[in-house]
Amino acid sequence: MGLVLAAFTQPIPLPTSIEMVEVLAARGALYFAKDLGFNKVIMEGDSEIIIKALNSGGLSSSSFGQIVKDVKVMSSSLMSVLFSHTRRQGNRVAHGLARLACNFVDFQS
């Protein structure tokens, strides 16, 4: 039906790159979905590099390659996981969550 069933934000201290933030967020969201008992997950992200890596399993030699592998292993334990690229301008929900996360006290420390 295309409804948002859960939302997740997490502070990521001292990220080394935008790609690292995206892949860490994907891993955190996937663990969150599994904890909630979801078996079918659609994960949207605005980093085309990370979404392509998650769909292909590539970029293993990159600084975030091991995290990509971790996400792939976790996703294989679920019935269905779809990684979808969504342009930043087209995903107001994710943008709103990111802005909300910046207001958390722990995030500002």
PDB file of N, CA and C in Angstrom:
ATOM      1  N   MET A   1       0.819  -1.199   0.000  1.00  0.00           N
ATOM      2  CA  MET A   1       0.000   0.000   0.000  1.00  0.00           C
ATOM      3  C   MET A   1       0.865   1.266   0.000  1.00  0.00           C
ATOM      4  N   GLY A   2       2.160   1.115   0.254  1.00  0.00           N
ATOM      5  CA  GLY A   2       3.053   2.262   0.208  1.00  0.00           C
ATOM      6  C   GLY A   2       3.042   3.135   1.447  1.00  0.00           C
ATOM      7  N   LEU A   3       2.539   2.634   2.561  1.00  0.00           N
ATOM      8  CA  LEU A   3       2.479   3.419   3.787  1.00  0.00           C
ATOM      9  C   LEU A   3       3.770   3.283   4.582  1.00  0.00           C
ATOM     10  N   VAL A   4       4.157   4.342   5.256  1.00  0.00           N
ATOM     11  CA  VAL A   4       5.299   4.284   6.164  1.00  0.00           C
ATOM     12  C   VAL A   4       4.822   3.608   7.446  1.00  0.00           C
ATOM     13  N   LEU A   5       5.461   2.518   7.829  1.00  0.00           N
ATOM     14  CA  LEU A   5       5.065   1.775   9.020  1.00  0.00           C
ATOM     15  C   LEU A   5       5.940   2.093  10.224  1.00  0.00           C
ATOM     16  N   ALA A   6       7.134   2.586   9.980  1.00  0.00           N
ATOM     17  CA  ALA A   6       8.044   2.929  11.067  1.00  0.00           C
ATOM     18  C   ALA A   6       9.067   3.920  10.530  1.00  0.00           C
ATOM     19  N   ALA A   7       9.637   4.690  11.430  1.00  0.00           N
ATOM     20  CA  ALA A   7      10.676   5.646  11.048  1.00  0.00           C
ATOM     21  C   ALA A   7      11.811   5.524  12.049  1.00  0.00           C
ATOM     22  N   PHE A   8      13.024   5.792  11.599  1.00  0.00           N
ATOM     23  CA  PHE A   8      14.216   5.569  12.403  1.00  0.00           C
ATOM     24  C   PHE A   8      15.200   6.713  12.177  1.00  0.00           C
ATOM     25  N   THR A   9      15.717   7.249  13.251  1.00  0.00           N
ATOM     26  CA  THR A   9      16.816   8.219  13.138  1.00  0.00           C
ATOM     27  C   THR A   9      17.906   7.789  14.107  1.00  0.00           C
ATOM     28  N   GLN A  10      19.133   8.127  13.765  1.00  0.00           N
ATOM     29  CA  GLN A  10      20.248   7.802  14.644  1.00  0.00           C
ATOM     30  C   GLN A  10      21.370   8.799  14.410  1.00  0.00           C
ATOM     31  N   PRO A  11      22.002   9.270  15.480  1.00  0.00           N
ATOM     32  CA  PRO A  11      23.165  10.137  15.301  1.00  0.00           C
ATOM     33  C   PRO A  11      24.367   9.300  14.852  1.00  0.00           C
ATOM     34  N   ILE A  12      25.141   9.833  13.940  1.00  0.00           N
ATOM     35  CA  ILE A  12      26.347   9.159  13.469  1.00  0.00           C
ATOM     36  C   ILE A  12      27.519  10.099  13.749  1.00  0.00           C
ATOM     37  N   PRO A  13      28.263   9.832  14.822  1.00  0.00           N
ATOM     38  CA  PRO A  13      29.339  10.743  15.204  1.00  0.00           C
ATOM     39  C   PRO A  13      30.539  10.638  14.262  1.00  0.00           C
ATOM     40  N   LEU A  14      31.077  11.783  13.911  1.00  0.00           N
ATOM     41  CA  LEU A  14      32.300  11.889  13.122  1.00  0.00           C
ATOM     42  C   LEU A  14      32.345  11.029  11.863  1.00  0.00           C
ATOM     43  N   PRO A  15      31.359  11.161  10.995  1.00  0.00           N
ATOM     44  CA  PRO A  15      31.392  10.373   9.758  1.00  0.00           C
ATOM     45  C   PRO A  15      32.537  10.844   8.869  1.00  0.00           C
ATOM     46  N   THR A  16      33.113   9.912   8.123  1.00  0.00           N
ATOM     47  CA  THR A  16      34.240  10.251   7.256  1.00  0.00           C
ATOM     48  C   THR A  16      33.810  10.732   5.875  1.00  0.00           C
ATOM     49  N   SER A  17      32.582  10.419   5.487  1.00  0.00           N
ATOM     50  CA  SER A  17      32.087  10.844   4.172  1.00  0.00           C
ATOM     51  C   SER A  17      30.568  10.755   4.153  1.00  0.00           C
ATOM     52  N   ILE A  18      29.973  11.363   3.154  1.00  0.00           N
ATOM     53  CA  ILE A  18      28.524  11.271   2.974  1.00  0.00           C
ATOM     54  C   ILE A  18      28.129   9.821   2.710  1.00  0.00           C
ATOM     55  N   GLU A  19      28.941   9.119   1.931  1.00  0.00           N
ATOM     56  CA  GLU A  19      28.649   7.722   1.643  1.00  0.00           C
ATOM     57  C   GLU A  19      28.650   6.884   2.920  1.00  0.00           C
ATOM     58  N   MET A  20      29.596   7.183   3.833  1.00  0.00           N
ATOM     59  CA  MET A  20      29.648   6.453   5.102  1.00  0.00           C
ATOM     60  C   MET A  20      28.372   6.697   5.909  1.00  0.00           C
ATOM     61  N   VAL A  21      27.897   7.930   5.931  1.00  0.00           N
ATOM     62  CA  VAL A  21      26.651   8.238   6.635  1.00  0.00           C
ATOM     63  C   VAL A  21      25.507   7.435   6.035  1.00  0.00           C
ATOM     64  N   GLU A  22      25.423   7.399   4.722  1.00  0.00           N
ATOM     65  CA  GLU A  22      24.330   6.697   4.043  1.00  0.00           C
ATOM     66  C   GLU A  22      24.351   5.197   4.326  1.00  0.00           C
ATOM     67  N   VAL A  23      25.523   4.579   4.275  1.00  0.00           N
ATOM     68  CA  VAL A  23      25.592   3.127   4.476  1.00  0.00           C
ATOM     69  C   VAL A  23      25.374   2.773   5.947  1.00  0.00           C
ATOM     70  N   LEU A  24      25.851   3.611   6.864  1.00  0.00           N
ATOM     71  CA  LEU A  24      25.577   3.375   8.290  1.00  0.00           C
ATOM     72  C   LEU A  24      24.089   3.535   8.593  1.00  0.00           C
ATOM     73  N   ALA A  25      23.454   4.504   7.958  1.00  0.00           N
ATOM     74  CA  ALA A  25      22.011   4.693   8.128  1.00  0.00           C
ATOM     75  C   ALA A  25      21.240   3.499   7.578  1.00  0.00           C
ATOM     76  N   ALA A  26      21.671   2.981   6.443  1.00  0.00           N
ATOM     77  CA  ALA A  26      21.008   1.808   5.856  1.00  0.00           C
ATOM     78  C   ALA A  26      21.141   0.607   6.785  1.00  0.00           C
ATOM     79  N   ARG A  27      22.331   0.409   7.341  1.00  0.00           N
ATOM     80  CA  ARG A  27      22.528  -0.718   8.255  1.00  0.00           C
ATOM     81  C   ARG A  27      21.657  -0.559   9.502  1.00  0.00           C
ATOM     82  N   GLY A  28      21.643   0.635  10.079  1.00  0.00           N
ATOM     83  CA  GLY A  28      20.824   0.877  11.265  1.00  0.00           C
ATOM     84  C   GLY A  28      19.350   0.665  10.994  1.00  0.00           C
ATOM     85  N   ALA A  29      18.881   1.139   9.852  1.00  0.00           N
ATOM     86  CA  ALA A  29      17.467   0.996   9.493  1.00  0.00           C
ATOM     87  C   ALA A  29      17.099  -0.468   9.270  1.00  0.00           C
ATOM     88  N   LEU A  30      18.016  -1.226   8.692  1.00  0.00           N
ATOM     89  CA  LEU A  30      17.741  -2.639   8.456  1.00  0.00           C
ATOM     90  C   LEU A  30      17.669  -3.417   9.773  1.00  0.00           C
ATOM     91  N   TYR A  31      18.562  -3.134  10.700  1.00  0.00           N
ATOM     92  CA  TYR A  31      18.486  -3.759  12.027  1.00  0.00           C
ATOM     93  C   TYR A  31      17.184  -3.373  12.728  1.00  0.00           C
ATOM     94  N   PHE A  32      16.794  -2.123  12.585  1.00  0.00           N
ATOM     95  CA  PHE A  32      15.546  -1.635  13.174  1.00  0.00           C
ATOM     96  C   PHE A  32      14.349  -2.395  12.595  1.00  0.00           C
ATOM     97  N   ALA A  33      14.320  -2.542  11.278  1.00  0.00           N
ATOM     98  CA  ALA A  33      13.226  -3.263  10.614  1.00  0.00           C
ATOM     99  C   ALA A  33      13.167  -4.712  11.089  1.00  0.00           C
ATOM    100  N   LYS A  34      14.332  -5.340  11.224  1.00  0.00           N
ATOM    101  CA  LYS A  34      14.362  -6.730  11.690  1.00  0.00           C
ATOM    102  C   LYS A  34      13.878  -6.818  13.133  1.00  0.00           C
ATOM    103  N   ASP A  35      14.305  -5.871  13.982  1.00  0.00           N
ATOM    104  CA  ASP A  35      13.852  -5.854  15.379  1.00  0.00           C
ATOM    105  C   ASP A  35      12.334  -5.706  15.475  1.00  0.00           C
ATOM    106  N   LEU A  36      11.739  -4.985  14.533  1.00  0.00           N
ATOM    107  CA  LEU A  36      10.292  -4.804  14.524  1.00  0.00           C
ATOM    108  C   LEU A  36       9.552  -6.006  13.944  1.00  0.00           C
ATOM    109  N   GLY A  37      10.289  -6.956  13.406  1.00  0.00           N
ATOM    110  CA  GLY A  37       9.687  -8.167  12.870  1.00  0.00           C
ATOM    111  C   GLY A  37       9.247  -8.067  11.424  1.00  0.00           C
ATOM    112  N   PHE A  38       9.722  -7.053  10.714  1.00  0.00           N
ATOM    113  CA  PHE A  38       9.375  -6.927   9.291  1.00  0.00           C
ATOM    114  C   PHE A  38      10.165  -7.942   8.475  1.00  0.00           C
ATOM    115  N   ASN A  39       9.503  -8.608   7.541  1.00  0.00           N
ATOM    116  CA  ASN A  39      10.168  -9.554   6.642  1.00  0.00           C
ATOM    117  C   ASN A  39      10.323  -9.014   5.238  1.00  0.00           C
ATOM    118  N   LYS A  40       9.519  -8.017   4.896  1.00  0.00           N
ATOM    119  CA  LYS A  40       9.588  -7.389   3.575  1.00  0.00           C
ATOM    120  C   LYS A  40       9.872  -5.910   3.797  1.00  0.00           C
ATOM    121  N   VAL A  41      10.981  -5.446   3.252  1.00  0.00           N
ATOM    122  CA  VAL A  41      11.437  -4.082   3.523  1.00  0.00           C
ATOM    123  C   VAL A  41      11.802  -3.395   2.220  1.00  0.00           C
ATOM    124  N   ILE A  42      11.398  -2.140   2.093  1.00  0.00           N
ATOM    125  CA  ILE A  42      11.856  -1.285   1.003  1.00  0.00           C
ATOM    126  C   ILE A  42      12.663  -0.172   1.647  1.00  0.00           C
ATOM    127  N   MET A  43      13.942  -0.107   1.318  1.00  0.00           N
ATOM    128  CA  MET A  43      14.819   0.933   1.860  1.00  0.00           C
ATOM    129  C   MET A  43      15.123   1.927   0.757  1.00  0.00           C
ATOM    130  N   GLU A  44      14.827   3.189   1.017  1.00  0.00           N
ATOM    131  CA  GLU A  44      15.101   4.244   0.059  1.00  0.00           C
ATOM    132  C   GLU A  44      16.283   5.065   0.539  1.00  0.00           C
ATOM    133  N   GLY A  45      17.125   5.454  -0.395  1.00  0.00           N
ATOM    134  CA  GLY A  45      18.253   6.308  -0.067  1.00  0.00           C
ATOM    135  C   GLY A  45      18.542   7.257  -1.209  1.00  0.00           C
ATOM    136  N   ASP A  46      19.148   8.402  -0.883  1.00  0.00           N
ATOM    137  CA  ASP A  46      19.425   9.373  -1.944  1.00  0.00           C
ATOM    138  C   ASP A  46      20.858   9.300  -2.459  1.00  0.00           C
ATOM    139  N   SER A  47      21.651   8.361  -1.964  1.00  0.00           N
ATOM    140  CA  SER A  47      23.006   8.166  -2.478  1.00  0.00           C
ATOM    141  C   SER A  47      22.988   7.054  -3.518  1.00  0.00           C
ATOM    142  N   GLU A  48      23.110   7.453  -4.762  1.00  0.00           N
ATOM    143  CA  GLU A  48      23.081   6.468  -5.845  1.00  0.00           C
ATOM    144  C   GLU A  48      24.244   5.489  -5.720  1.00  0.00           C
ATOM    145  N   ILE A  49      25.392   5.954  -5.254  1.00  0.00           N
ATOM    146  CA  ILE A  49      26.566   5.095  -5.078  1.00  0.00           C
ATOM    147  C   ILE A  49      26.260   3.970  -4.084  1.00  0.00           C
ATOM    148  N   ILE A  50      25.675   4.328  -2.948  1.00  0.00           N
ATOM    149  CA  ILE A  50      25.388   3.337  -1.915  1.00  0.00           C
ATOM    150  C   ILE A  50      24.279   2.393  -2.356  1.00  0.00           C
ATOM    151  N   ILE A  51      23.232   2.904  -2.966  1.00  0.00           N
ATOM    152  CA  ILE A  51      22.135   2.035  -3.420  1.00  0.00           C
ATOM    153  C   ILE A  51      22.659   1.050  -4.465  1.00  0.00           C
ATOM    154  N   LYS A  52      23.493   1.502  -5.390  1.00  0.00           N
ATOM    155  CA  LYS A  52      24.071   0.581  -6.380  1.00  0.00           C
ATOM    156  C   LYS A  52      24.939  -0.466  -5.696  1.00  0.00           C
ATOM    157  N   ALA A  53      25.729  -0.060  -4.703  1.00  0.00           N
ATOM    158  CA  ALA A  53      26.581  -1.009  -3.982  1.00  0.00           C
ATOM    159  C   ALA A  53      25.739  -2.039  -3.234  1.00  0.00           C
ATOM    160  N   LEU A  54      24.656  -1.597  -2.624  1.00  0.00           N
ATOM    161  CA  LEU A  54      23.787  -2.517  -1.889  1.00  0.00           C
ATOM    162  C   LEU A  54      23.067  -3.482  -2.826  1.00  0.00           C
ATOM    163  N   ASN A  55      22.727  -3.016  -4.011  1.00  0.00           N
ATOM    164  CA  ASN A  55      22.059  -3.885  -4.976  1.00  0.00           C
ATOM    165  C   ASN A  55      23.016  -4.861  -5.644  1.00  0.00           C
ATOM    166  N   SER A  56      24.280  -4.467  -5.793  1.00  0.00           N
ATOM    167  CA  SER A  56      25.237  -5.321  -6.496  1.00  0.00           C
ATOM    168  C   SER A  56      26.200  -6.031  -5.562  1.00  0.00           C
ATOM    169  N   GLY A  57      26.345  -5.526  -4.332  1.00  0.00           N
ATOM    170  CA  GLY A  57      27.335  -6.091  -3.414  1.00  0.00           C
ATOM    171  C   GLY A  57      28.735  -5.598  -3.715  1.00  0.00           C
ATOM    172  N   GLY A  58      28.849  -4.576  -4.539  1.00  0.00           N
ATOM    173  CA  GLY A  58      30.147  -4.058  -4.948  1.00  0.00           C
ATOM    174  C   GLY A  58      30.770  -3.116  -3.943  1.00  0.00           C
ATOM    175  N   LEU A  59      31.857  -2.497  -4.341  1.00  0.00           N
ATOM    176  CA  LEU A  59      32.624  -1.519  -3.561  1.00  0.00           C
ATOM    177  C   LEU A  59      33.246  -2.117  -2.300  1.00  0.00           C
ATOM    178  N   SER A  60      33.613  -3.394  -2.357  1.00  0.00           N
ATOM    179  CA  SER A  60      34.168  -4.052  -1.173  1.00  0.00           C
ATOM    180  C   SER A  60      35.518  -3.472  -0.765  1.00  0.00           C
ATOM    181  N   SER A  61      36.218  -2.843  -1.692  1.00  0.00           N
ATOM    182  CA  SER A  61      37.526  -2.270  -1.347  1.00  0.00           C
ATOM    183  C   SER A  61      37.423  -0.828  -0.855  1.00  0.00           C
ATOM    184  N   SER A  62      36.228  -0.272  -0.844  1.00  0.00           N
ATOM    185  CA  SER A  62      36.043   1.100  -0.389  1.00  0.00           C
ATOM    186  C   SER A  62      36.071   1.162   1.132  1.00  0.00           C
ATOM    187  N   SER A  63      36.106   2.373   1.658  1.00  0.00           N
ATOM    188  CA  SER A  63      36.154   2.555   3.114  1.00  0.00           C
ATOM    189  C   SER A  63      34.896   2.035   3.803  1.00  0.00           C
ATOM    190  N   PHE A  64      33.805   1.917   3.080  1.00  0.00           N
ATOM    191  CA  PHE A  64      32.548   1.455   3.659  1.00  0.00           C
ATOM    192  C   PHE A  64      32.135   0.080   3.127  1.00  0.00           C
ATOM    193  N   GLY A  65      33.046  -0.600   2.428  1.00  0.00           N
ATOM    194  CA  GLY A  65      32.736  -1.891   1.820  1.00  0.00           C
ATOM    195  C   GLY A  65      32.329  -2.958   2.812  1.00  0.00           C
ATOM    196  N   GLN A  66      32.970  -2.982   3.982  1.00  0.00           N
ATOM    197  CA  GLN A  66      32.625  -3.988   4.983  1.00  0.00           C
ATOM    198  C   GLN A  66      31.217  -3.767   5.529  1.00  0.00           C
ATOM    199  N   ILE A  67      30.821  -2.503   5.623  1.00  0.00           N
ATOM    200  CA  ILE A  67      29.468  -2.211   6.103  1.00  0.00           C
ATOM    201  C   ILE A  67      28.448  -2.614   5.045  1.00  0.00           C
ATOM    202  N   VAL A  68      28.774  -2.413   3.768  1.00  0.00           N
ATOM    203  CA  VAL A  68      27.911  -2.874   2.671  1.00  0.00           C
ATOM    204  C   VAL A  68      27.721  -4.387   2.789  1.00  0.00           C
ATOM    205  N   LYS A  69      28.813  -5.108   3.034  1.00  0.00           N
ATOM    206  CA  LYS A  69      28.723  -6.568   3.192  1.00  0.00           C
ATOM    207  C   LYS A  69      27.827  -6.932   4.376  1.00  0.00           C
ATOM    208  N   ASP A  70      27.972  -6.204   5.471  1.00  0.00           N
ATOM    209  CA  ASP A  70      27.149  -6.447   6.661  1.00  0.00           C
ATOM    210  C   ASP A  70      25.667  -6.254   6.342  1.00  0.00           C
ATOM    211  N   VAL A  71      25.349  -5.194   5.605  1.00  0.00           N
ATOM    212  CA  VAL A  71      23.959  -4.939   5.211  1.00  0.00           C
ATOM    213  C   VAL A  71      23.445  -6.068   4.319  1.00  0.00           C
ATOM    214  N   LYS A  72      24.276  -6.535   3.404  1.00  0.00           N
ATOM    215  CA  LYS A  72      23.866  -7.616   2.510  1.00  0.00           C
ATOM    216  C   LYS A  72      23.597  -8.907   3.286  1.00  0.00           C
ATOM    217  N   VAL A  73      24.447  -9.210   4.267  1.00  0.00           N
ATOM    218  CA  VAL A  73      24.236 -10.413   5.081  1.00  0.00           C
ATOM    219  C   VAL A  73      22.932 -10.292   5.862  1.00  0.00           C
ATOM    220  N   MET A  74      22.723  -9.132   6.477  1.00  0.00           N
ATOM    221  CA  MET A  74      21.488  -8.918   7.248  1.00  0.00           C
ATOM    222  C   MET A  74      20.271  -9.015   6.337  1.00  0.00           C
ATOM    223  N   SER A  75      20.352  -8.436   5.147  1.00  0.00           N
ATOM    224  CA  SER A  75      19.194  -8.441   4.247  1.00  0.00           C
ATOM    225  C   SER A  75      18.868  -9.851   3.764  1.00  0.00           C
ATOM    226  N   SER A  76      19.869 -10.714   3.698  1.00  0.00           N
ATOM    227  CA  SER A  76      19.606 -12.085   3.246  1.00  0.00           C
ATOM    228  C   SER A  76      18.811 -12.889   4.277  1.00  0.00           C
ATOM    229  N   SER A  77      18.752 -12.393   5.516  1.00  0.00           N
ATOM    230  CA  SER A  77      17.979 -13.094   6.552  1.00  0.00           C
ATOM    231  C   SER A  77      16.498 -12.702   6.525  1.00  0.00           C
ATOM    232  N   LEU A  78      16.152 -11.741   5.677  1.00  0.00           N
ATOM    233  CA  LEU A  78      14.757 -11.323   5.541  1.00  0.00           C
ATOM    234  C   LEU A  78      14.171 -11.907   4.269  1.00  0.00           C
ATOM    235  N   MET A  79      12.852 -11.949   4.191  1.00  0.00           N
ATOM    236  CA  MET A  79      12.180 -12.513   3.030  1.00  0.00           C
ATOM    237  C   MET A  79      12.449 -11.679   1.772  1.00  0.00           C
ATOM    238  N   SER A  80      12.369 -10.355   1.919  1.00  0.00           N
ATOM    239  CA  SER A  80      12.527  -9.483   0.763  1.00  0.00           C
ATOM    240  C   SER A  80      13.036  -8.119   1.211  1.00  0.00           C
ATOM    241  N   VAL A  81      14.118  -7.668   0.589  1.00  0.00           N
ATOM    242  CA  VAL A  81      14.634  -6.322   0.834  1.00  0.00           C
ATOM    243  C   VAL A  81      14.912  -5.684  -0.522  1.00  0.00           C
ATOM    244  N   LEU A  82      14.317  -4.529  -0.739  1.00  0.00           N
ATOM    245  CA  LEU A  82      14.517  -3.772  -1.966  1.00  0.00           C
ATOM    246  C   LEU A  82      15.224  -2.477  -1.614  1.00  0.00           C
ATOM    247  N   PHE A  83      16.367  -2.232  -2.245  1.00  0.00           N
ATOM    248  CA  PHE A  83      17.097  -0.983  -2.069  1.00  0.00           C
ATOM    249  C   PHE A  83      16.772  -0.100  -3.261  1.00  0.00           C
ATOM    250  N   SER A  84      16.217   1.072  -2.985  1.00  0.00           N
ATOM    251  CA  SER A  84      15.724   1.947  -4.044  1.00  0.00           C
ATOM    252  C   SER A  84      16.331   3.342  -3.936  1.00  0.00           C
ATOM    253  N   HIS A  85      16.829   3.842  -5.059  1.00  0.00           N
ATOM    254  CA  HIS A  85      17.369   5.201  -5.090  1.00  0.00           C
ATOM    255  C   HIS A  85      16.228   6.191  -5.269  1.00  0.00           C
ATOM    256  N   THR A  86      16.178   7.174  -4.395  1.00  0.00           N
ATOM    257  CA  THR A  86      15.187   8.237  -4.465  1.00  0.00           C
ATOM    258  C   THR A  86      15.924   9.558  -4.344  1.00  0.00           C
ATOM    259  N   ARG A  87      15.734  10.427  -5.297  1.00  0.00           N
ATOM    260  CA  ARG A  87      16.407  11.728  -5.226  1.00  0.00           C
ATOM    261  C   ARG A  87      15.990  12.477  -3.971  1.00  0.00           C
ATOM    262  N   ARG A  88      16.919  13.211  -3.423  1.00  0.00           N
ATOM    263  CA  ARG A  88      16.685  13.932  -2.171  1.00  0.00           C
ATOM    264  C   ARG A  88      15.449  14.816  -2.258  1.00  0.00           C
ATOM    265  N   GLN A  89      15.247  15.490  -3.389  1.00  0.00           N
ATOM    266  CA  GLN A  89      14.099  16.381  -3.536  1.00  0.00           C
ATOM    267  C   GLN A  89      12.779  15.620  -3.529  1.00  0.00           C
ATOM    268  N   GLY A  90      12.818  14.330  -3.850  1.00  0.00           N
ATOM    269  CA  GLY A  90      11.591  13.542  -3.928  1.00  0.00           C
ATOM    270  C   GLY A  90      11.261  12.784  -2.663  1.00  0.00           C
ATOM    271  N   ASN A  91      12.045  12.971  -1.605  1.00  0.00           N
ATOM    272  CA  ASN A  91      11.795  12.216  -0.392  1.00  0.00           C
ATOM    273  C   ASN A  91      11.687  13.154   0.808  1.00  0.00           C
ATOM    274  N   ARG A  92      10.543  13.801   0.926  1.00  0.00           N
ATOM    275  CA  ARG A  92      10.321  14.768   2.011  1.00  0.00           C
ATOM    276  C   ARG A  92      10.284  14.098   3.375  1.00  0.00           C
ATOM    277  N   VAL A  93       9.846  12.850   3.446  1.00  0.00           N
ATOM    278  CA  VAL A  93       9.787  12.154   4.729  1.00  0.00           C
ATOM    279  C   VAL A  93      11.201  11.970   5.287  1.00  0.00           C
ATOM    280  N   ALA A  94      12.116  11.475   4.467  1.00  0.00           N
ATOM    281  CA  ALA A  94      13.500  11.275   4.913  1.00  0.00           C
ATOM    282  C   ALA A  94      14.145  12.599   5.285  1.00  0.00           C
ATOM    283  N   HIS A  95      13.886  13.632   4.506  1.00  0.00           N
ATOM    284  CA  HIS A  95      14.452  14.950   4.799  1.00  0.00           C
ATOM    285  C   HIS A  95      13.930  15.462   6.148  1.00  0.00           C
ATOM    286  N   GLY A  96      12.652  15.286   6.394  1.00  0.00           N
ATOM    287  CA  GLY A  96      12.064  15.707   7.661  1.00  0.00           C
ATOM    288  C   GLY A  96      12.637  14.936   8.844  1.00  0.00           C
ATOM    289  N   LEU A  97      12.857  13.640   8.670  1.00  0.00           N
ATOM    290  CA  LEU A  97      13.456  12.836   9.736  1.00  0.00           C
ATOM    291  C   LEU A  97      14.886  13.281  10.021  1.00  0.00           C
ATOM    292  N   ALA A  98      15.631  13.581   8.973  1.00  0.00           N
ATOM    293  CA  ALA A  98      17.015  14.036   9.157  1.00  0.00           C
ATOM    294  C   ALA A  98      17.052  15.365   9.911  1.00  0.00           C
ATOM    295  N   ARG A  99      16.149  16.255   9.582  1.00  0.00           N
ATOM    296  CA  ARG A  99      16.093  17.534  10.295  1.00  0.00           C
ATOM    297  C   ARG A  99      15.684  17.337  11.752  1.00  0.00           C
ATOM    298  N   LEU A 100      14.756  16.420  11.981  1.00  0.00           N
ATOM    299  CA  LEU A 100      14.328  16.116  13.341  1.00  0.00           C
ATOM    300  C   LEU A 100      15.480  15.529  14.154  1.00  0.00           C
ATOM    301  N   ALA A 101      16.258  14.663  13.543  1.00  0.00           N
ATOM    302  CA  ALA A 101      17.381  14.033  14.240  1.00  0.00           C
ATOM    303  C   ALA A 101      18.398  15.069  14.702  1.00  0.00           C
ATOM    304  N   CYS A 102      18.548  16.141  13.958  1.00  0.00           N
ATOM    305  CA  CYS A 102      19.503  17.200  14.332  1.00  0.00           C
ATOM    306  C   CYS A 102      19.088  17.919  15.614  1.00  0.00           C
ATOM    307  N   ASN A 103      17.839  17.795  16.015  1.00  0.00           N
ATOM    308  CA  ASN A 103      17.344  18.456  17.216  1.00  0.00           C
ATOM    309  C   ASN A 103      17.469  17.614  18.481  1.00  0.00           C
ATOM    310  N   PHE A 104      17.883  16.341  18.338  1.00  0.00           N
ATOM    311  CA  PHE A 104      18.052  15.495  19.510  1.00  0.00           C
ATOM    312  C   PHE A 104      19.242  15.986  20.323  1.00  0.00           C
ATOM    313  N   VAL A 105      19.105  15.974  21.652  1.00  0.00           N
ATOM    314  CA  VAL A 105      20.161  16.454  22.542  1.00  0.00           C
ATOM    315  C   VAL A 105      21.444  15.646  22.330  1.00  0.00           C
ATOM    316  N   ASP A 106      21.348  14.322  22.237  1.00  0.00           N
ATOM    317  CA  ASP A 106      22.536  13.487  22.048  1.00  0.00           C
ATOM    318  C   ASP A 106      23.248  13.823  20.743  1.00  0.00           C
ATOM    319  N   PHE A 107      22.486  14.194  19.733  1.00  0.00           N
ATOM    320  CA  PHE A 107      23.068  14.510  18.429  1.00  0.00           C
ATOM    321  C   PHE A 107      23.897  15.774  18.498  1.00  0.00           C
ATOM    322  N   GLN A 108      23.503  16.704  19.332  1.00  0.00           N
ATOM    323  CA  GLN A 108      24.179  17.990  19.410  1.00  0.00           C
ATOM    324  C   GLN A 108      25.429  17.950  20.287  1.00  0.00           C
ATOM    325  N   SER A 109      25.635  16.902  21.058  1.00  0.00           N
ATOM    326  CA  SER A 109      26.780  16.816  21.968  1.00  0.00           C
ATOM    327  C   SER A 109      28.090  16.792  21.235  1.00  0.00           C
TER     328      SER A 109
END
